[in-house]
Protein backbone atom coordinates (compact mmCIF):
# COMPACT_ATOMS: atom_id res chain seq x y z
CA ASN A 1 -9.25 40.41 39.79
CA ARG A 2 -8.23 38.76 43.14
CA VAL A 3 -10.40 37.41 45.54
CA ASN A 4 -9.64 36.57 49.47
CA ARG A 5 -11.85 33.95 51.29
CA VAL A 6 -11.57 33.74 54.91
CA MET A 7 -13.73 31.25 57.05
CA MET A 8 -14.48 32.12 60.59
CA ALA A 9 -16.72 30.86 63.54
CA ALA A 10 -19.70 33.26 64.22
CA VAL A 11 -19.91 34.87 67.30
CA VAL A 12 -23.57 34.54 67.17
CA ALA A 13 -23.91 30.97 67.98
CA GLY A 14 -25.32 32.14 71.58
CA LEU A 15 -28.14 34.23 70.60
CA ALA A 16 -30.45 31.54 70.68
CA GLY A 17 -32.50 33.28 73.30
CA ALA A 18 -32.85 36.69 71.62
CA ALA A 19 -35.47 38.86 73.15
CA ALA A 20 -38.79 39.64 71.09
CA GLY A 21 -38.14 42.78 68.88
CA GLN A 22 -34.32 42.62 68.62
CA SER A 23 -32.67 42.99 65.41
CA THR A 24 -31.06 40.29 63.91
CA ALA A 25 -28.46 42.57 62.29
CA PHE A 26 -24.85 42.56 63.95
CA THR A 27 -21.91 44.47 63.55
CA TYR A 28 -18.79 42.68 61.86
CA GLN A 29 -15.31 44.08 62.23
CA GLY A 30 -12.19 42.91 60.53
CA VAL A 31 -8.72 43.45 59.77
CA LEU A 32 -7.70 43.44 55.82
CA GLN A 33 -4.44 43.33 54.62
CA ASP A 34 -3.03 43.85 51.01
CA ALA A 35 0.28 43.05 49.76
CA GLY A 36 1.59 41.93 53.00
CA GLY A 37 0.24 45.57 54.72
CA PRO A 38 -2.64 47.35 56.28
CA ALA A 39 -5.25 47.78 53.60
CA ASN A 40 -6.41 51.38 52.57
CA GLY A 41 -9.07 52.50 50.23
CA SER A 42 -12.47 51.08 49.12
CA TYR A 43 -13.52 47.43 49.27
CA ASP A 44 -16.36 45.03 48.26
CA LEU A 45 -17.53 42.27 50.74
CA ARG A 46 -19.21 39.05 49.91
CA LEU A 47 -20.65 37.24 53.39
CA ARG A 48 -22.20 33.82 53.27
CA MET A 49 -23.27 31.84 56.57
CA TRP A 50 -22.82 28.16 57.10
CA ASP A 51 -23.66 25.39 59.22
CA ALA A 52 -20.18 23.81 59.34
CA ALA A 53 -16.63 24.86 59.05
CA GLN A 54 -16.11 22.43 56.45
CA ASN A 55 -18.28 20.50 54.00
CA GLY A 56 -21.64 22.50 55.55
CA GLY A 57 -24.86 23.62 53.98
CA GLN A 58 -25.28 27.37 53.04
CA VAL A 59 -27.50 28.97 55.79
CA GLY A 60 -29.77 31.99 54.43
CA SER A 61 -28.85 34.28 51.69
CA THR A 62 -25.74 35.75 50.34
CA LEU A 63 -24.86 39.20 51.49
CA CYS A 64 -22.98 42.08 49.68
CA ALA A 65 -21.35 45.17 51.06
CA ASP A 66 -19.91 47.43 48.29
CA ASN A 67 -17.57 50.31 48.80
CA VAL A 68 -16.64 49.55 52.39
CA PRO A 69 -14.28 51.90 53.52
CA VAL A 70 -10.73 50.21 55.05
CA VAL A 71 -8.56 52.52 56.91
CA ASP A 72 -5.07 51.42 58.02
CA GLY A 73 -6.62 47.64 57.90
CA ARG A 74 -9.70 48.05 59.80
CA PHE A 75 -13.21 47.77 58.57
CA THR A 76 -16.57 47.41 59.88
CA VAL A 77 -19.59 46.42 58.26
CA THR A 78 -23.55 45.62 59.67
CA VAL A 79 -24.63 42.20 58.28
CA ASP A 80 -28.30 40.63 59.04
CA PHE A 81 -28.90 37.10 57.88
CA GLY A 82 -31.89 37.14 59.43
CA GLN A 83 -33.47 34.40 61.79
CA GLN A 84 -30.74 32.02 60.45
CA PHE A 85 -28.71 31.96 63.87
CA VAL A 86 -31.59 31.47 66.14
CA SER A 87 -30.66 28.04 67.01
CA PRO A 88 -28.01 26.93 69.64
CA ALA A 89 -25.88 25.44 66.59
CA PRO A 90 -22.45 26.99 65.73
CA ARG A 91 -22.59 29.17 62.41
CA TYR A 92 -19.54 30.08 60.14
CA ILE A 93 -19.25 32.89 58.10
CA GLU A 94 -17.24 32.98 54.77
CA LEU A 95 -15.91 36.30 53.52
CA GLU A 96 -14.77 37.17 50.18
CA VAL A 97 -12.79 40.53 49.40
CA ARG A 98 -11.81 42.32 46.46
CA ARG A 99 -10.84 46.08 45.78
CA ASP A 100 -13.89 48.02 44.82
CA THR A 101 -14.57 47.81 40.97
CA GLY A 102 -17.26 50.37 40.62
CA LEU A 103 -19.47 47.54 39.87
CA ASN A 104 -22.24 46.03 42.11
């Protein structure tokens, strides 16, 4: 069971002035490779938000997205960390990926 980890800057840092009533969910799109080529099939994702790219603290809960379809390496998932990114401070997303195991 191989898990890949990727740390990426969240595009949510500039959302400090979000309008009242607006959802905190956003769409995350990515490209996944498996064995050097575009991945295809169903994958499980685990996402965490951090306050620093290295040696930071986790902000909010760990989110899981099971059975995410990946076609020609591309996937889309909606994530919602809640109000964790309402500050102007940068946030970073850690993404762990594994082939779907049928488990939650």
